[in-house]
Amino acid sequence: MFFNSFLIYKEIKFIFFSYLLIDLIILKEASASFTLLLSNKYINVYDKISNLVGLIKY
């Protein structure tokens, strides 16, 4: 039972972070045309989250 719960938890975490990454990519692409709104802090946060998602997926 514990093992099944662990697998479900990992699957939910994977789905959540995958959708989060997709949303961030869409947001970055949508805001790329508005260069004044896209700050360096946002890009750094985006890169850190995408690296974190990459580590969690594998």
N, C-alpha and C. Protein backbone atom coordinates (compact mmCIF):
# COMPACT_ATOMS: atom_id res chain seq x y z
N MET A 1 0.83 -1.20 0.00
CA MET A 1 0.00 0.00 0.00
C MET A 1 0.87 1.25 0.00
N PHE A 2 1.92 1.24 0.82
CA PHE A 2 2.81 2.40 0.87
C PHE A 2 3.49 2.63 -0.47
N PHE A 3 3.89 1.54 -1.12
CA PHE A 3 4.58 1.66 -2.41
C PHE A 3 3.66 2.27 -3.46
N ASN A 4 2.37 1.84 -3.47
CA ASN A 4 1.41 2.40 -4.41
C ASN A 4 1.20 3.89 -4.16
N SER A 5 1.13 4.27 -2.90
CA SER A 5 0.96 5.68 -2.56
C SER A 5 2.17 6.49 -3.02
N PHE A 6 3.35 5.91 -2.86
CA PHE A 6 4.57 6.59 -3.29
C PHE A 6 4.58 6.79 -4.80
N LEU A 7 4.16 5.78 -5.55
CA LEU A 7 4.11 5.90 -7.01
C LEU A 7 3.09 6.95 -7.44
N ILE A 8 1.94 6.98 -6.77
CA ILE A 8 0.92 7.98 -7.09
C ILE A 8 1.46 9.37 -6.79
N TYR A 9 2.15 9.52 -5.66
CA TYR A 9 2.74 10.81 -5.30
C TYR A 9 3.75 11.27 -6.35
N LYS A 10 4.62 10.35 -6.80
CA LYS A 10 5.63 10.71 -7.81
C LYS A 10 4.96 11.09 -9.12
N GLU A 11 3.90 10.37 -9.48
CA GLU A 11 3.20 10.67 -10.74
C GLU A 11 2.52 12.04 -10.67
N ILE A 12 1.88 12.35 -9.56
CA ILE A 12 1.22 13.65 -9.39
C ILE A 12 2.26 14.76 -9.42
N LYS A 13 3.40 14.55 -8.75
CA LYS A 13 4.46 15.55 -8.74
C LYS A 13 5.00 15.77 -10.15
N PHE A 14 5.19 14.70 -10.89
CA PHE A 14 5.69 14.80 -12.26
C PHE A 14 4.70 15.58 -13.13
N ILE A 15 3.41 15.26 -13.03
CA ILE A 15 2.39 15.95 -13.83
C ILE A 15 2.35 17.42 -13.47
N PHE A 16 2.37 17.73 -12.16
CA PHE A 16 2.30 19.12 -11.72
C PHE A 16 3.48 19.92 -12.26
N PHE A 17 4.69 19.41 -12.11
CA PHE A 17 5.86 20.15 -12.56
C PHE A 17 5.94 20.21 -14.09
N SER A 18 5.42 19.20 -14.77
CA SER A 18 5.39 19.26 -16.24
C SER A 18 4.48 20.38 -16.71
N TYR A 19 3.28 20.46 -16.10
CA TYR A 19 2.37 21.54 -16.47
C TYR A 19 2.92 22.90 -16.07
N LEU A 20 3.61 22.95 -14.94
CA LEU A 20 4.22 24.21 -14.51
C LEU A 20 5.26 24.66 -15.53
N LEU A 21 6.07 23.74 -16.00
CA LEU A 21 7.09 24.08 -17.00
C LEU A 21 6.44 24.53 -18.30
N ILE A 22 5.39 23.84 -18.73
CA ILE A 22 4.69 24.23 -19.96
C ILE A 22 4.11 25.63 -19.82
N ASP A 23 3.48 25.91 -18.67
CA ASP A 23 2.93 27.25 -18.43
C ASP A 23 4.02 28.31 -18.45
N LEU A 24 5.16 28.01 -17.86
CA LEU A 24 6.25 28.98 -17.85
C LEU A 24 6.81 29.22 -19.25
N ILE A 25 6.89 28.17 -20.05
CA ILE A 25 7.37 28.34 -21.42
C ILE A 25 6.39 29.20 -22.21
N ILE A 26 5.09 28.94 -22.06
CA ILE A 26 4.08 29.74 -22.76
C ILE A 26 4.17 31.19 -22.30
N LEU A 27 4.30 31.39 -20.99
CA LEU A 27 4.38 32.75 -20.46
C LEU A 27 5.62 33.46 -20.98
N LYS A 28 6.74 32.74 -21.03
CA LYS A 28 7.98 33.36 -21.52
C LYS A 28 7.86 33.72 -22.99
N GLU A 29 7.26 32.83 -23.79
CA GLU A 29 7.09 33.11 -25.21
C GLU A 29 6.13 34.28 -25.43
N ALA A 30 5.05 34.31 -24.63
CA ALA A 30 4.06 35.37 -24.79
C ALA A 30 4.64 36.72 -24.39
N SER A 31 5.50 36.72 -23.39
CA SER A 31 6.03 37.99 -22.92
C SER A 31 7.33 38.38 -23.62
N ALA A 32 7.82 37.52 -24.50
CA ALA A 32 9.07 37.83 -25.19
C ALA A 32 8.93 39.07 -26.06
N SER A 33 7.72 39.31 -26.58
CA SER A 33 7.53 40.49 -27.41
C SER A 33 7.47 41.76 -26.58
N PHE A 34 7.18 41.61 -25.29
CA PHE A 34 7.15 42.77 -24.40
C PHE A 34 8.45 42.79 -23.60
N THR A 35 9.52 43.17 -24.27
CA THR A 35 10.84 43.07 -23.64
C THR A 35 10.97 43.95 -22.42
N LEU A 36 10.22 45.05 -22.37
CA LEU A 36 10.32 45.93 -21.21
C LEU A 36 9.73 45.27 -19.96
N LEU A 37 8.77 44.36 -20.15
CA LEU A 37 8.14 43.71 -19.01
C LEU A 37 8.95 42.51 -18.52
N LEU A 38 9.85 42.03 -19.36
CA LEU A 38 10.61 40.83 -19.03
C LEU A 38 11.92 41.24 -18.36
N SER A 39 11.97 41.06 -17.05
CA SER A 39 13.16 41.49 -16.32
C SER A 39 14.15 40.34 -16.16
N ASN A 40 15.36 40.68 -15.77
CA ASN A 40 16.38 39.66 -15.54
C ASN A 40 16.00 38.75 -14.39
N LYS A 41 15.31 39.29 -13.39
CA LYS A 41 14.90 38.46 -12.26
C LYS A 41 13.95 37.38 -12.72
N TYR A 42 13.00 37.73 -13.58
CA TYR A 42 12.06 36.73 -14.08
C TYR A 42 12.79 35.64 -14.85
N ILE A 43 13.74 36.02 -15.69
CA ILE A 43 14.48 35.03 -16.47
C ILE A 43 15.26 34.10 -15.55
N ASN A 44 15.89 34.66 -14.51
CA ASN A 44 16.64 33.83 -13.57
C ASN A 44 15.73 32.85 -12.85
N VAL A 45 14.55 33.32 -12.42
CA VAL A 45 13.60 32.44 -11.74
C VAL A 45 13.13 31.35 -12.70
N TYR A 46 12.84 31.73 -13.94
CA TYR A 46 12.41 30.75 -14.95
C TYR A 46 13.48 29.68 -15.15
N ASP A 47 14.73 30.08 -15.28
CA ASP A 47 15.82 29.13 -15.49
C ASP A 47 15.98 28.19 -14.29
N LYS A 48 15.87 28.74 -13.08
CA LYS A 48 16.01 27.90 -11.90
C LYS A 48 14.87 26.89 -11.80
N ILE A 49 13.65 27.32 -12.10
CA ILE A 49 12.51 26.39 -12.02
C ILE A 49 12.62 25.34 -13.11
N SER A 50 13.01 25.72 -14.31
CA SER A 50 13.13 24.73 -15.39
C SER A 50 14.24 23.73 -15.09
N ASN A 51 15.33 24.18 -14.47
CA ASN A 51 16.39 23.25 -14.06
C ASN A 51 15.88 22.30 -12.98
N LEU A 52 15.10 22.83 -12.04
CA LEU A 52 14.54 22.00 -10.98
C LEU A 52 13.60 20.96 -11.55
N VAL A 53 12.76 21.36 -12.51
CA VAL A 53 11.84 20.41 -13.13
C VAL A 53 12.63 19.34 -13.88
N GLY A 54 13.70 19.73 -14.55
CA GLY A 54 14.52 18.75 -15.25
C GLY A 54 15.15 17.75 -14.30
N LEU A 55 15.55 18.20 -13.13
CA LEU A 55 16.13 17.28 -12.15
C LEU A 55 15.08 16.35 -11.57
N ILE A 56 13.88 16.85 -11.36
CA ILE A 56 12.82 16.03 -10.77
C ILE A 56 12.34 14.98 -11.76
N LYS A 57 12.30 15.33 -13.05
CA LYS A 57 11.80 14.39 -14.06
C LYS A 57 12.71 13.18 -14.19
N TYR A 58 14.02 13.35 -14.01
CA TYR A 58 14.94 12.24 -14.26
C TYR A 58 15.49 11.65 -13.00
